[in-house]
Amino acid sequence: MRIKKRVFLGLLIMSLAFILLTFVGIWYILAHRSTIWTKFLIFVGAFSLAGLFFFIILGISGLTLVLWRHHPLPFLQHLGISVANLLFPLAIMIGKKLGIPSDTVRASFIEINNQLVRVQKPKVKPEEILLLAPHCLQRSDCPHKITADVYNCRRCGRCSIHILLDLAQKYGVRLAVATGGTLARHFVKVYRPRVIVAIACERDLTSGIQDTQPLPVWGVVNLRPHGPCLNTQVEVSQVEEALRFFLGLELELPHQAGCQYLQGSRSII
């Protein structure tokens, strides 16, 4: 089940409230000191906070407006992304205090990012799309190295790589398998895509999305039935939905692709 976008938006608002309360506390402490220096600090702090608050409120409002209207507003969208990146660590911290797992907060951020990508409606050629997958989709006991060349895959059907190869060939897009962020950034530099469909865990997707902005990245969170970084899986329907969206193609009917996911070597419809 996909995480609601309101989780991250709510934490952004709470982060704003936290900053306000922190400043009020500092102001209360300094206000009881009557030196010229403390009065100067209060004045500078109040002026700076007013500017910061205006920036954050405008960013959160713009982000919410774009998501609600499903209509691109480039300036507000850029401002909202900047605010989201700025407050992201604080949102994670507040989420932990409220008992919200970090991966849930990250998943909500990814959903917001994907919605913003949809709003932009970038239409590109197949060769301008990079399908970026993590190496943990490959079976851990597979002897064939695919990070250097994904076509070393023998298509034995024991993992999902062969299905991703089929998708890449079906739509004519580039497919790369990375062992981590460094190699992923290398592939982005080499292939120079206009858009990316990235499969990874919440942590890697979040950092990847932030590192490559403003390049549109559609994130697909992998499935981890065996734990992190070991024989992970992916919902094929989500990957294909992203590819077809970027190519401007109509989505297939639910009974054709919407219920498909990978589990080991089986493809369940």
C-alpha atoms as a PDB file:
ATOM      1  CA  MET A   1       0.000   0.000   0.000  1.00  0.00           C
ATOM      2  CA  ARG A   2       1.363   3.399  -0.971  1.00  0.00           C
ATOM      3  CA  ILE A   3       1.942   5.879   1.844  1.00  0.00           C
ATOM      4  CA  LYS A   4      -0.204   9.007   1.904  1.00  0.00           C
ATOM      5  CA  LYS A   5       1.405  12.268   0.838  1.00  0.00           C
ATOM      6  CA  ARG A   6      -0.180  14.033   3.799  1.00  0.00           C
ATOM      7  CA  VAL A   7       2.263  12.299   6.181  1.00  0.00           C
ATOM      8  CA  PHE A   8       5.241  14.291   4.932  1.00  0.00           C
ATOM      9  CA  LEU A   9       3.235  17.487   4.455  1.00  0.00           C
ATOM     10  CA  GLY A  10       2.012  17.256   8.056  1.00  0.00           C
ATOM     11  CA  LEU A  11       5.561  16.779   9.320  1.00  0.00           C
ATOM     12  CA  LEU A  12       6.692  19.824   7.335  1.00  0.00           C
ATOM     13  CA  ILE A  13       4.081  21.910   9.151  1.00  0.00           C
ATOM     14  CA  MET A  14       5.175  20.432  12.491  1.00  0.00           C
ATOM     15  CA  SER A  15       8.782  21.275  11.605  1.00  0.00           C
ATOM     16  CA  LEU A  16       7.737  24.872  11.029  1.00  0.00           C
ATOM     17  CA  ALA A  17       6.006  24.935  14.429  1.00  0.00           C
ATOM     18  CA  PHE A  18       9.120  23.449  16.058  1.00  0.00           C
ATOM     19  CA  ILE A  19      11.307  26.203  14.610  1.00  0.00           C
ATOM     20  CA  LEU A  20       8.865  28.822  15.886  1.00  0.00           C
ATOM     21  CA  LEU A  21       8.769  27.361  19.391  1.00  0.00           C
ATOM     22  CA  THR A  22      12.551  27.149  19.472  1.00  0.00           C
ATOM     23  CA  PHE A  23      12.871  30.802  18.564  1.00  0.00           C
ATOM     24  CA  VAL A  24      10.247  31.831  21.138  1.00  0.00           C
ATOM     25  CA  GLY A  25      12.198  29.943  23.803  1.00  0.00           C
ATOM     26  CA  ILE A  26      15.457  31.645  22.842  1.00  0.00           C
ATOM     27  CA  TRP A  27      13.731  35.019  22.690  1.00  0.00           C
ATOM     28  CA  TYR A  28      12.244  34.497  26.168  1.00  0.00           C
ATOM     29  CA  ILE A  29      15.677  33.744  27.623  1.00  0.00           C
ATOM     30  CA  LEU A  30      17.374  36.704  25.939  1.00  0.00           C
ATOM     31  CA  ALA A  31      14.518  39.119  26.670  1.00  0.00           C
ATOM     32  CA  HIS A  32      15.299  38.970  30.393  1.00  0.00           C
ATOM     33  CA  ARG A  33      18.734  40.419  29.720  1.00  0.00           C
ATOM     34  CA  SER A  34      18.780  44.149  29.149  1.00  0.00           C
ATOM     35  CA  THR A  35      22.178  44.568  27.506  1.00  0.00           C
ATOM     36  CA  ILE A  36      22.454  46.247  24.130  1.00  0.00           C
ATOM     37  CA  TRP A  37      24.046  43.103  22.698  1.00  0.00           C
ATOM     38  CA  THR A  38      21.082  40.876  23.629  1.00  0.00           C
ATOM     39  CA  LYS A  39      18.621  43.408  22.223  1.00  0.00           C
ATOM     40  CA  PHE A  40      20.598  43.422  18.989  1.00  0.00           C
ATOM     41  CA  LEU A  41      20.513  39.616  18.869  1.00  0.00           C
ATOM     42  CA  ILE A  42      16.747  39.639  19.405  1.00  0.00           C
ATOM     43  CA  PHE A  43      16.268  42.167  16.609  1.00  0.00           C
ATOM     44  CA  VAL A  44      18.477  40.274  14.140  1.00  0.00           C
ATOM     45  CA  GLY A  45      16.901  36.946  15.122  1.00  0.00           C
ATOM     46  CA  ALA A  46      13.364  38.264  14.701  1.00  0.00           C
ATOM     47  CA  PHE A  47      14.188  39.768  11.308  1.00  0.00           C
ATOM     48  CA  SER A  48      15.885  36.571  10.102  1.00  0.00           C
ATOM     49  CA  LEU A  49      13.107  34.351  11.391  1.00  0.00           C
ATOM     50  CA  ALA A  50      10.463  36.464   9.654  1.00  0.00           C
ATOM     51  CA  GLY A  51      12.247  35.938   6.336  1.00  0.00           C
ATOM     52  CA  LEU A  52      12.710  32.216   6.993  1.00  0.00           C
ATOM     53  CA  PHE A  53       9.071  31.807   7.960  1.00  0.00           C
ATOM     54  CA  PHE A  54       7.887  33.595   4.837  1.00  0.00           C
ATOM     55  CA  PHE A  55      10.113  31.331   2.715  1.00  0.00           C
ATOM     56  CA  ILE A  56       8.913  28.133   4.438  1.00  0.00           C
ATOM     57  CA  ILE A  57       5.220  29.046   4.513  1.00  0.00           C
ATOM     58  CA  LEU A  58       5.272  30.059   0.854  1.00  0.00           C
ATOM     59  CA  GLY A  59       7.091  26.829  -0.038  1.00  0.00           C
ATOM     60  CA  ILE A  60       4.689  24.551   1.859  1.00  0.00           C
ATOM     61  CA  SER A  61       1.675  26.433   0.498  1.00  0.00           C
ATOM     62  CA  GLY A  62       3.027  26.261  -3.045  1.00  0.00           C
ATOM     63  CA  LEU A  63       3.765  22.557  -2.735  1.00  0.00           C
ATOM     64  CA  THR A  64       0.272  21.862  -1.427  1.00  0.00           C
ATOM     65  CA  LEU A  65      -1.313  23.977  -4.167  1.00  0.00           C
ATOM     66  CA  VAL A  66       0.566  22.178  -6.941  1.00  0.00           C
ATOM     67  CA  LEU A  67      -0.373  18.761  -5.534  1.00  0.00           C
ATOM     68  CA  TRP A  68      -4.004  19.794  -5.086  1.00  0.00           C
ATOM     69  CA  ARG A  69      -4.473  21.435  -8.503  1.00  0.00           C
ATOM     70  CA  HIS A  70      -2.375  18.910 -10.443  1.00  0.00           C
ATOM     71  CA  HIS A  71      -1.134  21.875 -12.447  1.00  0.00           C
ATOM     72  CA  PRO A  72       2.496  22.997 -12.845  1.00  0.00           C
ATOM     73  CA  LEU A  73       3.487  26.230 -11.119  1.00  0.00           C
ATOM     74  CA  PRO A  74       7.268  26.201 -11.705  1.00  0.00           C
ATOM     75  CA  PHE A  75       8.291  28.894  -9.207  1.00  0.00           C
ATOM     76  CA  LEU A  76       6.146  27.576  -6.351  1.00  0.00           C
ATOM     77  CA  GLN A  77       7.086  23.996  -7.167  1.00  0.00           C
ATOM     78  CA  HIS A  78      10.801  24.802  -7.073  1.00  0.00           C
ATOM     79  CA  LEU A  79      10.342  26.724  -3.835  1.00  0.00           C
ATOM     80  CA  GLY A  80       8.350  23.853  -2.305  1.00  0.00           C
ATOM     81  CA  ILE A  81      11.039  21.315  -3.213  1.00  0.00           C
ATOM     82  CA  SER A  82      13.693  23.549  -1.649  1.00  0.00           C
ATOM     83  CA  VAL A  83      11.687  23.793   1.573  1.00  0.00           C
ATOM     84  CA  ALA A  84      11.069  20.031   1.602  1.00  0.00           C
ATOM     85  CA  ASN A  85      14.798  19.355   1.252  1.00  0.00           C
ATOM     86  CA  LEU A  86      15.628  21.946   3.916  1.00  0.00           C
ATOM     87  CA  LEU A  87      13.213  20.546   6.491  1.00  0.00           C
ATOM     88  CA  PHE A  88      13.639  16.882   5.575  1.00  0.00           C
ATOM     89  CA  PRO A  89      16.054  15.987   8.435  1.00  0.00           C
ATOM     90  CA  LEU A  90      13.818  17.789  10.938  1.00  0.00           C
ATOM     91  CA  ALA A  91      10.733  16.005   9.588  1.00  0.00           C
ATOM     92  CA  ILE A  92      12.489  12.651  10.042  1.00  0.00           C
ATOM     93  CA  MET A  93      13.400  13.577  13.648  1.00  0.00           C
ATOM     94  CA  ILE A  94       9.874  14.705  14.533  1.00  0.00           C
ATOM     95  CA  GLY A  95       8.439  11.605  12.876  1.00  0.00           C
ATOM     96  CA  LYS A  96      10.595   9.390  15.094  1.00  0.00           C
ATOM     97  CA  LYS A  97       9.393  11.261  18.188  1.00  0.00           C
ATOM     98  CA  LEU A  98       5.796  10.626  17.087  1.00  0.00           C
ATOM     99  CA  GLY A  99       6.449   6.950  16.420  1.00  0.00           C
ATOM    100  CA  ILE A 100       6.400   7.269  12.628  1.00  0.00           C
ATOM    101  CA  PRO A 101       9.088   5.057  11.065  1.00  0.00           C
ATOM    102  CA  SER A 102      11.693   6.889   9.000  1.00  0.00           C
ATOM    103  CA  ASP A 103      10.905   4.731   5.964  1.00  0.00           C
ATOM    104  CA  THR A 104       7.253   5.803   6.183  1.00  0.00           C
ATOM    105  CA  VAL A 105       8.286   9.461   6.108  1.00  0.00           C
ATOM    106  CA  ARG A 106      10.627   8.792   3.194  1.00  0.00           C
ATOM    107  CA  ALA A 107       7.929   6.850   1.330  1.00  0.00           C
ATOM    108  CA  SER A 108       5.563   9.816   1.730  1.00  0.00           C
ATOM    109  CA  PHE A 109       8.273  12.122   0.362  1.00  0.00           C
ATOM    110  CA  ILE A 110       8.705   9.782  -2.630  1.00  0.00           C
ATOM    111  CA  GLU A 111       4.956   9.856  -3.303  1.00  0.00           C
ATOM    112  CA  ILE A 112       5.037  13.660  -3.285  1.00  0.00           C
ATOM    113  CA  ASN A 113       8.017  13.619  -5.649  1.00  0.00           C
ATOM    114  CA  ASN A 114       6.253  11.228  -8.037  1.00  0.00           C
ATOM    115  CA  GLN A 115       3.159  13.420  -8.033  1.00  0.00           C
ATOM    116  CA  LEU A 116       5.279  16.463  -8.869  1.00  0.00           C
ATOM    117  CA  VAL A 117       6.831  14.514 -11.754  1.00  0.00           C
ATOM    118  CA  ARG A 118       3.337  13.681 -13.018  1.00  0.00           C
ATOM    119  CA  VAL A 119       2.417  17.354 -12.851  1.00  0.00           C
ATOM    120  CA  GLN A 120       5.423  18.290 -15.000  1.00  0.00           C
ATOM    121  CA  LYS A 121       4.266  15.770 -17.650  1.00  0.00           C
ATOM    122  CA  PRO A 122       7.684  15.344 -19.276  1.00  0.00           C
ATOM    123  CA  LYS A 123       7.381  13.488 -22.563  1.00  0.00           C
ATOM    124  CA  VAL A 124      10.653  12.038 -23.794  1.00  0.00           C
ATOM    125  CA  LYS A 125      12.076   9.602 -26.312  1.00  0.00           C
ATOM    126  CA  PRO A 126      12.804   6.028 -25.172  1.00  0.00           C
ATOM    127  CA  GLU A 127      16.578   6.520 -25.364  1.00  0.00           C
ATOM    128  CA  GLU A 128      16.270   9.501 -22.986  1.00  0.00           C
ATOM    129  CA  ILE A 129      14.897   7.306 -20.184  1.00  0.00           C
ATOM    130  CA  LEU A 130      17.174   5.504 -17.728  1.00  0.00           C
ATOM    131  CA  LEU A 131      15.691   2.577 -15.803  1.00  0.00           C
ATOM    132  CA  LEU A 132      17.941   2.308 -12.752  1.00  0.00           C
ATOM    133  CA  ALA A 133      17.728  -0.838 -10.621  1.00  0.00           C
ATOM    134  CA  PRO A 134      19.604  -1.965  -7.491  1.00  0.00           C
ATOM    135  CA  HIS A 135      21.858  -5.022  -7.605  1.00  0.00           C
ATOM    136  CA  CYS A 136      19.938  -6.575  -4.690  1.00  0.00           C
ATOM    137  CA  LEU A 137      17.187  -7.519  -7.164  1.00  0.00           C
ATOM    138  CA  GLN A 138      19.599 -10.152  -8.458  1.00  0.00           C
ATOM    139  CA  ARG A 139      19.777 -13.443  -6.566  1.00  0.00           C
ATOM    140  CA  SER A 140      22.596 -13.278  -4.039  1.00  0.00           C
ATOM    141  CA  ASP A 141      23.960 -16.655  -5.206  1.00  0.00           C
ATOM    142  CA  CYS A 142      23.979 -15.748  -8.913  1.00  0.00           C
ATOM    143  CA  PRO A 143      27.524 -15.990 -10.343  1.00  0.00           C
ATOM    144  CA  HIS A 144      26.893 -13.623 -13.278  1.00  0.00           C
ATOM    145  CA  LYS A 145      27.966 -10.021 -12.704  1.00  0.00           C
ATOM    146  CA  ILE A 146      25.450  -7.594 -14.174  1.00  0.00           C
ATOM    147  CA  THR A 147      26.542  -4.236 -12.743  1.00  0.00           C
ATOM    148  CA  ALA A 148      29.173  -3.830 -15.481  1.00  0.00           C
ATOM    149  CA  ASP A 149      26.817  -5.086 -18.188  1.00  0.00           C
ATOM    150  CA  VAL A 150      23.200  -5.950 -17.389  1.00  0.00           C
ATOM    151  CA  TYR A 151      23.054  -8.127 -20.506  1.00  0.00           C
ATOM    152  CA  ASN A 152      25.275 -10.654 -18.734  1.00  0.00           C
ATOM    153  CA  CYS A 153      21.996 -11.809 -17.205  1.00  0.00           C
ATOM    154  CA  ARG A 154      21.217 -15.362 -18.313  1.00  0.00           C
ATOM    155  CA  ARG A 155      17.441 -14.810 -17.947  1.00  0.00           C
ATOM    156  CA  CYS A 156      17.053 -17.926 -15.822  1.00  0.00           C
ATOM    157  CA  GLY A 157      13.906 -16.525 -14.216  1.00  0.00           C
ATOM    158  CA  ARG A 158      15.098 -16.806 -10.614  1.00  0.00           C
ATOM    159  CA  CYS A 159      14.986 -13.029 -10.043  1.00  0.00           C
ATOM    160  CA  SER A 160      13.329  -9.972 -11.531  1.00  0.00           C
ATOM    161  CA  ILE A 161      16.242  -8.712 -13.636  1.00  0.00           C
ATOM    162  CA  HIS A 162      15.091 -10.642 -16.702  1.00  0.00           C
ATOM    163  CA  ILE A 163      11.644  -9.026 -16.474  1.00  0.00           C
ATOM    164  CA  LEU A 164      13.237  -5.573 -16.309  1.00  0.00           C
ATOM    165  CA  LEU A 165      15.325  -6.493 -19.354  1.00  0.00           C
ATOM    166  CA  ASP A 166      12.115  -7.434 -21.152  1.00  0.00           C
ATOM    167  CA  LEU A 167      10.590  -4.054 -20.235  1.00  0.00           C
ATOM    168  CA  ALA A 168      13.710  -2.187 -21.348  1.00  0.00           C
ATOM    169  CA  GLN A 169      13.672  -3.955 -24.714  1.00  0.00           C
ATOM    170  CA  LYS A 170       9.903  -3.595 -25.090  1.00  0.00           C
ATOM    171  CA  TYR A 171      10.012   0.181 -24.669  1.00  0.00           C
ATOM    172  CA  GLY A 172      13.528   0.817 -25.964  1.00  0.00           C
ATOM    173  CA  VAL A 173      14.855   2.399 -22.753  1.00  0.00           C
ATOM    174  CA  ARG A 174      18.260   2.038 -21.121  1.00  0.00           C
ATOM    175  CA  LEU A 175      18.615  -0.289 -18.118  1.00  0.00           C
ATOM    176  CA  ALA A 176      21.442  -0.110 -15.587  1.00  0.00           C
ATOM    177  CA  VAL A 177      22.030  -1.994 -12.346  1.00  0.00           C
ATOM    178  CA  ALA A 178      23.931  -0.166  -9.596  1.00  0.00           C
ATOM    179  CA  THR A 179      25.544  -1.378  -6.386  1.00  0.00           C
ATOM    180  CA  GLY A 180      25.084   1.962  -4.655  1.00  0.00           C
ATOM    181  CA  GLY A 181      24.808   5.713  -4.980  1.00  0.00           C
ATOM    182  CA  THR A 182      28.284   6.221  -6.449  1.00  0.00           C
ATOM    183  CA  LEU A 183      27.707   3.819  -9.338  1.00  0.00           C
ATOM    184  CA  ALA A 184      24.172   5.150  -9.839  1.00  0.00           C
ATOM    185  CA  ARG A 185      25.528   8.686 -10.226  1.00  0.00           C
ATOM    186  CA  HIS A 186      28.119   7.312 -12.670  1.00  0.00           C
ATOM    187  CA  PHE A 187      25.366   5.840 -14.858  1.00  0.00           C
ATOM    188  CA  VAL A 188      23.467   9.129 -14.771  1.00  0.00           C
ATOM    189  CA  LYS A 189      26.618  10.978 -15.853  1.00  0.00           C
ATOM    190  CA  VAL A 190      27.385   8.485 -18.636  1.00  0.00           C
ATOM    191  CA  TYR A 191      23.873   8.091 -20.085  1.00  0.00           C
ATOM    192  CA  ARG A 192      22.751  11.703 -19.426  1.00  0.00           C
ATOM    193  CA  PRO A 193      19.036  10.826 -19.324  1.00  0.00           C
ATOM    194  CA  ARG A 194      16.272  13.402 -19.318  1.00  0.00           C
ATOM    195  CA  VAL A 195      14.223  11.328 -16.859  1.00  0.00           C
ATOM    196  CA  ILE A 196      14.932   8.386 -14.548  1.00  0.00           C
ATOM    197  CA  VAL A 197      12.786   5.525 -13.279  1.00  0.00           C
ATOM    198  CA  ALA A 198      14.593   4.373 -10.153  1.00  0.00           C
ATOM    199  CA  ILE A 199      13.993   1.235  -8.088  1.00  0.00           C
ATOM    200  CA  ALA A 200      15.451   1.164  -4.584  1.00  0.00           C
ATOM    201  CA  CYS A 201      14.678   1.225  -0.884  1.00  0.00           C
ATOM    202  CA  GLU A 202      13.208   4.367   0.677  1.00  0.00           C
ATOM    203  CA  ARG A 203      16.559   5.658   1.951  1.00  0.00           C
ATOM    204  CA  ASP A 204      18.412   5.278  -1.358  1.00  0.00           C
ATOM    205  CA  LEU A 205      15.502   6.643  -3.392  1.00  0.00           C
ATOM    206  CA  THR A 206      15.191   9.723  -1.203  1.00  0.00           C
ATOM    207  CA  SER A 207      18.895  10.561  -1.375  1.00  0.00           C
ATOM    208  CA  GLY A 208      18.955   9.828  -5.113  1.00  0.00           C
ATOM    209  CA  ILE A 209      15.982  12.083  -5.814  1.00  0.00           C
ATOM    210  CA  GLN A 210      17.559  14.918  -3.847  1.00  0.00           C
ATOM    211  CA  ASP A 211      20.977  14.443  -5.462  1.00  0.00           C
ATOM    212  CA  THR A 212      19.658  14.555  -9.038  1.00  0.00           C
ATOM    213  CA  GLN A 213      17.187  17.451  -8.736  1.00  0.00           C
ATOM    214  CA  PRO A 214      15.908  19.080 -10.897  1.00  0.00           C
ATOM    215  CA  LEU A 215      16.157  15.960 -13.094  1.00  0.00           C
ATOM    216  CA  PRO A 216      12.755  14.190 -12.901  1.00  0.00           C
ATOM    217  CA  VAL A 217      13.043  10.889 -11.032  1.00  0.00           C
ATOM    218  CA  TRP A 218      10.076   8.531 -10.637  1.00  0.00           C
ATOM    219  CA  GLY A 219      10.764   6.399  -7.573  1.00  0.00           C
ATOM    220  CA  VAL A 220       9.559   2.803  -7.152  1.00  0.00           C
ATOM    221  CA  VAL A 221      10.130   1.338  -3.691  1.00  0.00           C
ATOM    222  CA  ASN A 222      11.344  -2.253  -3.785  1.00  0.00           C
ATOM    223  CA  LEU A 223       9.910  -5.129  -1.774  1.00  0.00           C
ATOM    224  CA  ARG A 224      12.124  -6.740   0.873  1.00  0.00           C
ATOM    225  CA  PRO A 225      10.667 -10.078   2.008  1.00  0.00           C
ATOM    226  CA  HIS A 226      14.155 -11.319   2.987  1.00  0.00           C
ATOM    227  CA  GLY A 227      15.295  -8.081   4.599  1.00  0.00           C
ATOM    228  CA  PRO A 228      17.247  -5.138   3.177  1.00  0.00           C
ATOM    229  CA  CYS A 229      19.700  -5.629   0.313  1.00  0.00           C
ATOM    230  CA  LEU A 230      18.976  -9.353  -0.102  1.00  0.00           C
ATOM    231  CA  ASN A 231      16.946 -10.910  -2.922  1.00  0.00           C
ATOM    232  CA  THR A 232      14.574  -7.958  -3.132  1.00  0.00           C
ATOM    233  CA  GLN A 233      11.611  -7.759  -5.497  1.00  0.00           C
ATOM    234  CA  VAL A 234       9.688  -5.101  -7.399  1.00  0.00           C
ATOM    235  CA  GLU A 235       6.133  -4.520  -8.538  1.00  0.00           C
ATOM    236  CA  VAL A 236       6.356  -4.609 -12.310  1.00  0.00           C
ATOM    237  CA  SER A 237       3.128  -2.645 -12.757  1.00  0.00           C
ATOM    238  CA  GLN A 238       4.633   0.395 -11.033  1.00  0.00           C
ATOM    239  CA  VAL A 239       7.752   0.318 -13.209  1.00  0.00           C
ATOM    240  CA  GLU A 240       5.748  -0.063 -16.406  1.00  0.00           C
ATOM    241  CA  GLU A 241       3.338   2.682 -15.322  1.00  0.00           C
ATOM    242  CA  ALA A 242       6.273   5.087 -15.020  1.00  0.00           C
ATOM    243  CA  LEU A 243       7.751   4.102 -18.386  1.00  0.00           C
ATOM    244  CA  ARG A 244       4.440   4.450 -20.195  1.00  0.00           C
ATOM    245  CA  PHE A 245       3.788   7.798 -18.532  1.00  0.00           C
ATOM    246  CA  PHE A 246       7.103   9.262 -19.695  1.00  0.00           C
ATOM    247  CA  LEU A 247       6.511   7.917 -23.201  1.00  0.00           C
ATOM    248  CA  GLY A 248       3.019   9.396 -23.332  1.00  0.00           C
ATOM    249  CA  LEU A 249       1.356   5.997 -23.714  1.00  0.00           C
ATOM    250  CA  GLU A 250      -2.012   4.993 -22.339  1.00  0.00           C
ATOM    251  CA  LEU A 251      -1.867   2.715 -19.315  1.00  0.00           C
ATOM    252  CA  GLU A 252      -2.871  -0.887 -19.781  1.00  0.00           C
ATOM    253  CA  LEU A 253      -6.062  -2.195 -18.287  1.00  0.00           C
ATOM    254  CA  PRO A 254      -5.845  -3.348 -14.636  1.00  0.00           C
ATOM    255  CA  HIS A 255      -6.358  -7.002 -15.571  1.00  0.00           C
ATOM    256  CA  GLN A 256      -3.413  -6.761 -17.961  1.00  0.00           C
ATOM    257  CA  ALA A 257      -0.773  -5.114 -15.812  1.00  0.00           C
ATOM    258  CA  GLY A 258      -2.137  -3.477 -12.693  1.00  0.00           C
ATOM    259  CA  CYS A 259      -2.000  -6.564 -10.499  1.00  0.00           C
ATOM    260  CA  GLN A 260       1.316  -7.935 -11.657  1.00  0.00           C
ATOM    261  CA  TYR A 261       4.237  -8.283  -9.294  1.00  0.00           C
ATOM    262  CA  LEU A 262       7.354 -10.344  -9.043  1.00  0.00           C
ATOM    263  CA  GLN A 263       8.029 -12.998  -6.483  1.00  0.00           C
ATOM    264  CA  GLY A 264      11.159 -15.004  -7.120  1.00  0.00           C
ATOM    265  CA  SER A 265      10.808 -16.511 -10.572  1.00  0.00           C
ATOM    266  CA  ARG A 266       7.024 -16.300 -10.763  1.00  0.00           C
ATOM    267  CA  SER A 267       4.946 -13.511 -12.290  1.00  0.00           C
ATOM    268  CA  ILE A 268       1.525 -13.429 -10.644  1.00  0.00           C
ATOM    269  CA  ILE A 269      -1.460 -11.814 -12.413  1.00  0.00           C
END
